[in-house]
Amino acid sequence: MKGETISWMMPFSEGGGSGRWARFIAPLLEKQLGATIQFKFVPGGDSKTGASLHAARAKPNGAAITGTSDSTQFPFEFEGNAPAVPC
């Protein structure tokens, strides 16, 4: 990943807690991976909009990751009512 750009999809608004957490972690990941991280914030649908968008567009090359929270994971794990994101 050295020298590459990683797209980090956040299925929440930019000013929320998950966005703050991701911005805190990003410099550590950039240093460890030698890559640049760019954020894309896509709020809506209780995080399902952004998470589903990531699942539809991400290629399996490691250059795209998604942030999540229990609002995305728990419906998938316990109810089967979730975005097309394998958690």
PDB file of N, CA and C in Angstrom:
ATOM      1  N   MET A   1       0.816  -1.186   0.000  1.00  0.00           N
ATOM      2  CA  MET A   1       0.000   0.000   0.000  1.00  0.00           C
ATOM      3  C   MET A   1       0.872   1.267   0.000  1.00  0.00           C
ATOM      4  N   LYS A   2       2.134   1.097   0.121  1.00  0.00           N
ATOM      5  CA  LYS A   2       3.030   2.251   0.201  1.00  0.00           C
ATOM      6  C   LYS A   2       2.846   3.174  -1.005  1.00  0.00           C
ATOM      7  N   GLY A   3       2.609   4.453  -0.705  1.00  0.00           N
ATOM      8  CA  GLY A   3       2.449   5.449  -1.751  1.00  0.00           C
ATOM      9  C   GLY A   3       1.066   5.500  -2.383  1.00  0.00           C
ATOM     10  N   GLU A   4       0.162   4.627  -1.971  1.00  0.00           N
ATOM     11  CA  GLU A   4      -1.181   4.599  -2.549  1.00  0.00           C
ATOM     12  C   GLU A   4      -2.152   5.409  -1.704  1.00  0.00           C
ATOM     13  N   THR A   5      -3.341   5.615  -2.241  1.00  0.00           N
ATOM     14  CA  THR A   5      -4.400   6.304  -1.522  1.00  0.00           C
ATOM     15  C   THR A   5      -5.476   5.296  -1.155  1.00  0.00           C
ATOM     16  N   ILE A   6      -5.868   5.317   0.095  1.00  0.00           N
ATOM     17  CA  ILE A   6      -6.926   4.441   0.591  1.00  0.00           C
ATOM     18  C   ILE A   6      -8.176   5.286   0.776  1.00  0.00           C
ATOM     19  N   SER A   7      -9.272   4.834   0.223  1.00  0.00           N
ATOM     20  CA  SER A   7     -10.554   5.499   0.384  1.00  0.00           C
ATOM     21  C   SER A   7     -11.255   4.913   1.606  1.00  0.00           C
ATOM     22  N   TRP A   8     -11.588   5.774   2.564  1.00  0.00           N
ATOM     23  CA  TRP A   8     -12.248   5.326   3.789  1.00  0.00           C
ATOM     24  C   TRP A   8     -13.674   5.850   3.790  1.00  0.00           C
ATOM     25  N   MET A   9     -14.625   4.969   3.555  1.00  0.00           N
ATOM     26  CA  MET A   9     -16.041   5.322   3.527  1.00  0.00           C
ATOM     27  C   MET A   9     -16.584   5.335   4.946  1.00  0.00           C
ATOM     28  N   MET A  10     -17.160   6.456   5.320  1.00  0.00           N
ATOM     29  CA  MET A  10     -17.822   6.569   6.607  1.00  0.00           C
ATOM     30  C   MET A  10     -19.308   6.765   6.340  1.00  0.00           C
ATOM     31  N   PRO A  11     -20.165   5.827   6.754  1.00  0.00           N
ATOM     32  CA  PRO A  11     -21.591   5.941   6.462  1.00  0.00           C
ATOM     33  C   PRO A  11     -22.329   6.836   7.460  1.00  0.00           C
ATOM     34  N   PHE A  12     -21.673   7.906   7.855  1.00  0.00           N
ATOM     35  CA  PHE A  12     -22.216   8.845   8.830  1.00  0.00           C
ATOM     36  C   PHE A  12     -21.868  10.263   8.413  1.00  0.00           C
ATOM     37  N   SER A  13     -22.428  11.244   9.113  1.00  0.00           N
ATOM     38  CA  SER A  13     -22.081  12.631   8.820  1.00  0.00           C
ATOM     39  C   SER A  13     -20.675  12.931   9.349  1.00  0.00           C
ATOM     40  N   GLU A  14     -20.063  13.932   8.775  1.00  0.00           N
ATOM     41  CA  GLU A  14     -18.665  14.239   9.057  1.00  0.00           C
ATOM     42  C   GLU A  14     -18.415  14.638  10.511  1.00  0.00           C
ATOM     43  N   GLY A  15     -19.341  15.311  11.149  1.00  0.00           N
ATOM     44  CA  GLY A  15     -19.103  15.825  12.494  1.00  0.00           C
ATOM     45  C   GLY A  15     -19.432  14.879  13.623  1.00  0.00           C
ATOM     46  N   GLY A  16     -19.847  13.664  13.327  1.00  0.00           N
ATOM     47  CA  GLY A  16     -20.257  12.729  14.370  1.00  0.00           C
ATOM     48  C   GLY A  16     -19.095  12.014  15.043  1.00  0.00           C
ATOM     49  N   GLY A  17     -19.433  11.204  16.017  1.00  0.00           N
ATOM     50  CA  GLY A  17     -18.426  10.481  16.788  1.00  0.00           C
ATOM     51  C   GLY A  17     -17.615   9.497  15.969  1.00  0.00           C
ATOM     52  N   SER A  18     -18.252   8.812  15.034  1.00  0.00           N
ATOM     53  CA  SER A  18     -17.512   7.856  14.203  1.00  0.00           C
ATOM     54  C   SER A  18     -16.505   8.570  13.313  1.00  0.00           C
ATOM     55  N   GLY A  19     -16.873   9.742  12.797  1.00  0.00           N
ATOM     56  CA  GLY A  19     -15.947  10.532  11.989  1.00  0.00           C
ATOM     57  C   GLY A  19     -14.758  11.007  12.793  1.00  0.00           C
ATOM     58  N   ARG A  20     -15.022  11.423  14.030  1.00  0.00           N
ATOM     59  CA  ARG A  20     -13.917  11.852  14.909  1.00  0.00           C
ATOM     60  C   ARG A  20     -12.979  10.689  15.219  1.00  0.00           C
ATOM     61  N   TRP A  21     -13.579   9.527  15.478  1.00  0.00           N
ATOM     62  CA  TRP A  21     -12.770   8.345  15.754  1.00  0.00           C
ATOM     63  C   TRP A  21     -11.881   8.017  14.552  1.00  0.00           C
ATOM     64  N   ALA A  22     -12.472   8.058  13.356  1.00  0.00           N
ATOM     65  CA  ALA A  22     -11.728   7.725  12.146  1.00  0.00           C
ATOM     66  C   ALA A  22     -10.596   8.719  11.889  1.00  0.00           C
ATOM     67  N   ARG A  23     -10.861  10.000  12.104  1.00  0.00           N
ATOM     68  CA  ARG A  23      -9.816  11.013  11.906  1.00  0.00           C
ATOM     69  C   ARG A  23      -8.691  10.877  12.932  1.00  0.00           C
ATOM     70  N   PHE A  24      -9.001  10.344  14.091  1.00  0.00           N
ATOM     71  CA  PHE A  24      -7.972  10.080  15.095  1.00  0.00           C
ATOM     72  C   PHE A  24      -7.087   8.906  14.670  1.00  0.00           C
ATOM     73  N   ILE A  25      -7.703   7.870  14.136  1.00  0.00           N
ATOM     74  CA  ILE A  25      -6.993   6.652  13.733  1.00  0.00           C
ATOM     75  C   ILE A  25      -6.222   6.825  12.424  1.00  0.00           C
ATOM     76  N   ALA A  26      -6.733   7.646  11.510  1.00  0.00           N
ATOM     77  CA  ALA A  26      -6.161   7.767  10.161  1.00  0.00           C
ATOM     78  C   ALA A  26      -4.660   8.071  10.140  1.00  0.00           C
ATOM     79  N   PRO A  27      -4.152   9.041  10.909  1.00  0.00           N
ATOM     80  CA  PRO A  27      -2.705   9.294  10.849  1.00  0.00           C
ATOM     81  C   PRO A  27      -1.867   8.088  11.273  1.00  0.00           C
ATOM     82  N   LEU A  28      -2.376   7.314  12.207  1.00  0.00           N
ATOM     83  CA  LEU A  28      -1.653   6.109  12.632  1.00  0.00           C
ATOM     84  C   LEU A  28      -1.613   5.073  11.501  1.00  0.00           C
ATOM     85  N   LEU A  29      -2.744   4.920  10.817  1.00  0.00           N
ATOM     86  CA  LEU A  29      -2.778   3.994   9.672  1.00  0.00           C
ATOM     87  C   LEU A  29      -1.890   4.480   8.535  1.00  0.00           C
ATOM     88  N   GLU A  30      -1.937   5.787   8.261  1.00  0.00           N
ATOM     89  CA  GLU A  30      -1.101   6.342   7.193  1.00  0.00           C
ATOM     90  C   GLU A  30       0.378   6.074   7.474  1.00  0.00           C
ATOM     91  N   LYS A  31       0.775   6.279   8.696  1.00  0.00           N
ATOM     92  CA  LYS A  31       2.179   6.051   9.066  1.00  0.00           C
ATOM     93  C   LYS A  31       2.540   4.568   8.946  1.00  0.00           C
ATOM     94  N   GLN A  32       1.669   3.712   9.434  1.00  0.00           N
ATOM     95  CA  GLN A  32       1.945   2.272   9.415  1.00  0.00           C
ATOM     96  C   GLN A  32       1.960   1.710   7.994  1.00  0.00           C
ATOM     97  N   LEU A  33       1.033   2.178   7.158  1.00  0.00           N
ATOM     98  CA  LEU A  33       0.899   1.634   5.802  1.00  0.00           C
ATOM     99  C   LEU A  33       1.695   2.392   4.751  1.00  0.00           C
ATOM    100  N   GLY A  34       2.130   3.606   5.079  1.00  0.00           N
ATOM    101  CA  GLY A  34       2.821   4.427   4.091  1.00  0.00           C
ATOM    102  C   GLY A  34       1.882   4.909   2.999  1.00  0.00           C
ATOM    103  N   ALA A  35       0.621   5.024   3.317  1.00  0.00           N
ATOM    104  CA  ALA A  35      -0.399   5.408   2.345  1.00  0.00           C
ATOM    105  C   ALA A  35      -1.085   6.690   2.806  1.00  0.00           C
ATOM    106  N   THR A  36      -1.864   7.280   1.912  1.00  0.00           N
ATOM    107  CA  THR A  36      -2.672   8.442   2.230  1.00  0.00           C
ATOM    108  C   THR A  36      -4.118   7.984   2.357  1.00  0.00           C
ATOM    109  N   ILE A  37      -4.834   8.505   3.353  1.00  0.00           N
ATOM    110  CA  ILE A  37      -6.227   8.143   3.540  1.00  0.00           C
ATOM    111  C   ILE A  37      -7.106   9.330   3.190  1.00  0.00           C
ATOM    112  N   GLN A  38      -8.087   9.080   2.330  1.00  0.00           N
ATOM    113  CA  GLN A  38      -9.090  10.084   1.976  1.00  0.00           C
ATOM    114  C   GLN A  38     -10.437   9.599   2.492  1.00  0.00           C
ATOM    115  N   PHE A  39     -11.170  10.503   3.145  1.00  0.00           N
ATOM    116  CA  PHE A  39     -12.475  10.152   3.684  1.00  0.00           C
ATOM    117  C   PHE A  39     -13.591  10.516   2.733  1.00  0.00           C
ATOM    118  N   LYS A  40     -14.626   9.690   2.748  1.00  0.00           N
ATOM    119  CA  LYS A  40     -15.875   9.997   2.059  1.00  0.00           C
ATOM    120  C   LYS A  40     -16.979   9.738   3.076  1.00  0.00           C
ATOM    121  N   PHE A  41     -17.680  10.797   3.436  1.00  0.00           N
ATOM    122  CA  PHE A  41     -18.766  10.700   4.399  1.00  0.00           C
ATOM    123  C   PHE A  41     -20.087  10.636   3.645  1.00  0.00           C
ATOM    124  N   VAL A  42     -20.847   9.569   3.864  1.00  0.00           N
ATOM    125  CA  VAL A  42     -22.129   9.374   3.188  1.00  0.00           C
ATOM    126  C   VAL A  42     -23.178   9.019   4.250  1.00  0.00           C
ATOM    127  N   PRO A  43     -23.800  10.028   4.844  1.00  0.00           N
ATOM    128  CA  PRO A  43     -24.816   9.753   5.858  1.00  0.00           C
ATOM    129  C   PRO A  43     -26.132   9.326   5.226  1.00  0.00           C
ATOM    130  N   GLY A  44     -26.981   8.743   6.028  1.00  0.00           N
ATOM    131  CA  GLY A  44     -28.326   8.409   5.577  1.00  0.00           C
ATOM    132  C   GLY A  44     -28.681   6.957   5.802  1.00  0.00           C
ATOM    133  N   GLY A  45     -29.966   6.731   5.981  1.00  0.00           N
ATOM    134  CA  GLY A  45     -30.483   5.365   6.099  1.00  0.00           C
ATOM    135  C   GLY A  45     -29.942   4.614   7.291  1.00  0.00           C
ATOM    136  N   ASP A  46     -29.731   5.301   8.407  1.00  0.00           N
ATOM    137  CA  ASP A  46     -29.153   4.656   9.597  1.00  0.00           C
ATOM    138  C   ASP A  46     -27.840   3.946   9.272  1.00  0.00           C
ATOM    139  N   SER A  47     -27.026   4.562   8.471  1.00  0.00           N
ATOM    140  CA  SER A  47     -25.697   4.117   8.028  1.00  0.00           C
ATOM    141  C   SER A  47     -25.753   3.095   6.898  1.00  0.00           C
ATOM    142  N   LYS A  48     -26.922   2.664   6.522  1.00  0.00           N
ATOM    143  CA  LYS A  48     -27.042   1.653   5.462  1.00  0.00           C
ATOM    144  C   LYS A  48     -26.691   2.221   4.088  1.00  0.00           C
ATOM    145  N   THR A  49     -26.970   3.504   3.858  1.00  0.00           N
ATOM    146  CA  THR A  49     -26.695   4.108   2.551  1.00  0.00           C
ATOM    147  C   THR A  49     -25.208   4.050   2.228  1.00  0.00           C
ATOM    148  N   GLY A  50     -24.374   4.571   3.105  1.00  0.00           N
ATOM    149  CA  GLY A  50     -22.931   4.582   2.872  1.00  0.00           C
ATOM    150  C   GLY A  50     -22.315   3.193   2.893  1.00  0.00           C
ATOM    151  N   ALA A  51     -22.768   2.359   3.811  1.00  0.00           N
ATOM    152  CA  ALA A  51     -22.224   1.001   3.896  1.00  0.00           C
ATOM    153  C   ALA A  51     -22.544   0.196   2.642  1.00  0.00           C
ATOM    154  N   SER A  52     -23.753   0.333   2.140  1.00  0.00           N
ATOM    155  CA  SER A  52     -24.127  -0.373   0.915  1.00  0.00           C
ATOM    156  C   SER A  52     -23.381   0.175  -0.289  1.00  0.00           C
ATOM    157  N   LEU A  53     -23.168   1.485  -0.319  1.00  0.00           N
ATOM    158  CA  LEU A  53     -22.406   2.095  -1.407  1.00  0.00           C
ATOM    159  C   LEU A  53     -20.982   1.558  -1.421  1.00  0.00           C
ATOM    160  N   HIS A  54     -20.380   1.447  -0.255  1.00  0.00           N
ATOM    161  CA  HIS A  54     -19.027   0.884  -0.162  1.00  0.00           C
ATOM    162  C   HIS A  54     -19.009  -0.552  -0.686  1.00  0.00           C
ATOM    163  N   ALA A  55     -19.986  -1.348  -0.246  1.00  0.00           N
ATOM    164  CA  ALA A  55     -20.030  -2.750  -0.670  1.00  0.00           C
ATOM    165  C   ALA A  55     -20.188  -2.883  -2.174  1.00  0.00           C
ATOM    166  N   ALA A  56     -20.923  -1.964  -2.778  1.00  0.00           N
ATOM    167  CA  ALA A  56     -21.160  -2.031  -4.218  1.00  0.00           C
ATOM    168  C   ALA A  56     -19.949  -1.571  -5.031  1.00  0.00           C
ATOM    169  N   ARG A  57     -19.151  -0.660  -4.483  1.00  0.00           N
ATOM    170  CA  ARG A  57     -18.071  -0.046  -5.270  1.00  0.00           C
ATOM    171  C   ARG A  57     -16.663  -0.522  -4.934  1.00  0.00           C
ATOM    172  N   ALA A  58     -16.438  -1.006  -3.745  1.00  0.00           N
ATOM    173  CA  ALA A  58     -15.081  -1.358  -3.318  1.00  0.00           C
ATOM    174  C   ALA A  58     -14.540  -2.542  -4.104  1.00  0.00           C
ATOM    175  N   LYS A  59     -13.309  -2.417  -4.520  1.00  0.00           N
ATOM    176  CA  LYS A  59     -12.626  -3.517  -5.192  1.00  0.00           C
ATOM    177  C   LYS A  59     -11.821  -4.283  -4.145  1.00  0.00           C
ATOM    178  N   PRO A  60     -11.599  -5.561  -4.350  1.00  0.00           N
ATOM    179  CA  PRO A  60     -10.893  -6.368  -3.348  1.00  0.00           C
ATOM    180  C   PRO A  60      -9.369  -6.187  -3.379  1.00  0.00           C
ATOM    181  N   ASN A  61      -8.925  -4.936  -3.497  1.00  0.00           N
ATOM    182  CA  ASN A  61      -7.485  -4.686  -3.555  1.00  0.00           C
ATOM    183  C   ASN A  61      -6.943  -4.004  -2.305  1.00  0.00           C
ATOM    184  N   GLY A  62      -7.784  -3.810  -1.301  1.00  0.00           N
ATOM    185  CA  GLY A  62      -7.345  -3.203  -0.053  1.00  0.00           C
ATOM    186  C   GLY A  62      -7.281  -1.691  -0.078  1.00  0.00           C
ATOM    187  N   ALA A  63      -7.654  -1.067  -1.188  1.00  0.00           N
ATOM    188  CA  ALA A  63      -7.570   0.390  -1.297  1.00  0.00           C
ATOM    189  C   ALA A  63      -8.849   1.078  -0.861  1.00  0.00           C
ATOM    190  N   ALA A  64      -9.820   0.331  -0.344  1.00  0.00           N
ATOM    191  CA  ALA A  64     -11.064   0.912   0.150  1.00  0.00           C
ATOM    192  C   ALA A  64     -11.467   0.206   1.437  1.00  0.00           C
ATOM    193  N   ILE A  65     -11.756   0.991   2.448  1.00  0.00           N
ATOM    194  CA  ILE A  65     -12.227   0.439   3.718  1.00  0.00           C
ATOM    195  C   ILE A  65     -13.480   1.202   4.124  1.00  0.00           C
ATOM    196  N   THR A  66     -14.199   0.649   5.065  1.00  0.00           N
ATOM    197  CA  THR A  66     -15.378   1.343   5.566  1.00  0.00           C
ATOM    198  C   THR A  66     -15.336   1.388   7.081  1.00  0.00           C
ATOM    199  N   GLY A  67     -15.824   2.474   7.604  1.00  0.00           N
ATOM    200  CA  GLY A  67     -15.990   2.600   9.044  1.00  0.00           C
ATOM    201  C   GLY A  67     -17.403   2.174   9.378  1.00  0.00           C
ATOM    202  N   THR A  68     -17.605   1.731  10.561  1.00  0.00           N
ATOM    203  CA  THR A  68     -18.942   1.280  10.930  1.00  0.00           C
ATOM    204  C   THR A  68     -19.159   1.463  12.418  1.00  0.00           C
ATOM    205  N   SER A  69     -20.325   1.156  12.851  1.00  0.00           N
ATOM    206  CA  SER A  69     -20.647   1.172  14.272  1.00  0.00           C
ATOM    207  C   SER A  69     -21.704   0.106  14.510  1.00  0.00           C
ATOM    208  N   ASP A  70     -22.149   0.010  15.727  1.00  0.00           N
ATOM    209  CA  ASP A  70     -23.148  -1.003  16.024  1.00  0.00           C
ATOM    210  C   ASP A  70     -24.446  -0.771  15.260  1.00  0.00           C
ATOM    211  N   SER A  71     -24.719   0.462  14.844  1.00  0.00           N
ATOM    212  CA  SER A  71     -25.947   0.723  14.082  1.00  0.00           C
ATOM    213  C   SER A  71     -25.915   0.070  12.706  1.00  0.00           C
ATOM    214  N   THR A  72     -24.738  -0.268  12.220  1.00  0.00           N
ATOM    215  CA  THR A  72     -24.614  -0.979  10.952  1.00  0.00           C
ATOM    216  C   THR A  72     -24.485  -2.481  11.189  1.00  0.00           C
ATOM    217  N   GLN A  73     -23.699  -2.863  12.160  1.00  0.00           N
ATOM    218  CA  GLN A  73     -23.405  -4.273  12.375  1.00  0.00           C
ATOM    219  C   GLN A  73     -24.536  -5.054  13.022  1.00  0.00           C
ATOM    220  N   PHE A  74     -25.118  -4.532  14.079  1.00  0.00           N
ATOM    221  CA  PHE A  74     -26.091  -5.318  14.830  1.00  0.00           C
ATOM    222  C   PHE A  74     -27.327  -5.714  14.027  1.00  0.00           C
ATOM    223  N   PRO A  75     -27.919  -4.822  13.220  1.00  0.00           N
ATOM    224  CA  PRO A  75     -29.062  -5.289  12.417  1.00  0.00           C
ATOM    225  C   PRO A  75     -28.690  -6.436  11.484  1.00  0.00           C
ATOM    226  N   PHE A  76     -27.487  -6.395  10.926  1.00  0.00           N
ATOM    227  CA  PHE A  76     -27.030  -7.463  10.038  1.00  0.00           C
ATOM    228  C   PHE A  76     -26.849  -8.763  10.809  1.00  0.00           C
ATOM    229  N   GLU A  77     -26.203  -8.657  11.958  1.00  0.00           N
ATOM    230  CA  GLU A  77     -25.869  -9.855  12.716  1.00  0.00           C
ATOM    231  C   GLU A  77     -27.066 -10.492  13.408  1.00  0.00           C
ATOM    232  N   PHE A  78     -28.002  -9.670  13.884  1.00  0.00           N
ATOM    233  CA  PHE A  78     -29.087 -10.209  14.702  1.00  0.00           C
ATOM    234  C   PHE A  78     -30.441 -10.279  14.003  1.00  0.00           C
ATOM    235  N   GLU A  79     -30.646  -9.442  12.994  1.00  0.00           N
ATOM    236  CA  GLU A  79     -31.962  -9.389  12.379  1.00  0.00           C
ATOM    237  C   GLU A  79     -31.947  -9.751  10.901  1.00  0.00           C
ATOM    238  N   GLY A  80     -30.776  -9.735  10.283  1.00  0.00           N
ATOM    239  CA  GLY A  80     -30.722  -9.955   8.852  1.00  0.00           C
ATOM    240  C   GLY A  80     -31.247  -8.779   8.063  1.00  0.00           C
ATOM    241  N   ASN A  81     -31.405  -7.636   8.733  1.00  0.00           N
ATOM    242  CA  ASN A  81     -31.960  -6.422   8.111  1.00  0.00           C
ATOM    243  C   ASN A  81     -30.861  -5.388   8.019  1.00  0.00           C
ATOM    244  N   ALA A  82     -30.052  -5.479   6.978  1.00  0.00           N
ATOM    245  CA  ALA A  82     -28.902  -4.618   6.925  1.00  0.00           C
ATOM    246  C   ALA A  82     -28.465  -4.355   5.498  1.00  0.00           C
ATOM    247  N   PRO A  83     -27.466  -3.502   5.358  1.00  0.00           N
ATOM    248  CA  PRO A  83     -26.924  -3.239   4.031  1.00  0.00           C
ATOM    249  C   PRO A  83     -26.210  -4.475   3.497  1.00  0.00           C
ATOM    250  N   ALA A  84     -25.781  -4.380   2.271  1.00  0.00           N
ATOM    251  CA  ALA A  84     -25.080  -5.478   1.623  1.00  0.00           C
ATOM    252  C   ALA A  84     -23.615  -5.519   2.051  1.00  0.00           C
ATOM    253  N   VAL A  85     -23.366  -5.368   3.329  1.00  0.00           N
ATOM    254  CA  VAL A  85     -22.006  -5.325   3.855  1.00  0.00           C
ATOM    255  C   VAL A  85     -21.750  -6.555   4.705  1.00  0.00           C
ATOM    256  N   PRO A  86     -20.819  -7.386   4.315  1.00  0.00           N
ATOM    257  CA  PRO A  86     -20.470  -8.512   5.182  1.00  0.00           C
ATOM    258  C   PRO A  86     -19.653  -7.994   6.351  1.00  0.00           C
ATOM    259  N   CYS A  87     -20.200  -8.031   7.517  1.00  0.00           N
ATOM    260  CA  CYS A  87     -19.525  -7.475   8.712  1.00  0.00           C
ATOM    261  C   CYS A  87     -18.562  -8.474   9.290  1.00  0.00           C
TER     262      CYS A  87
END
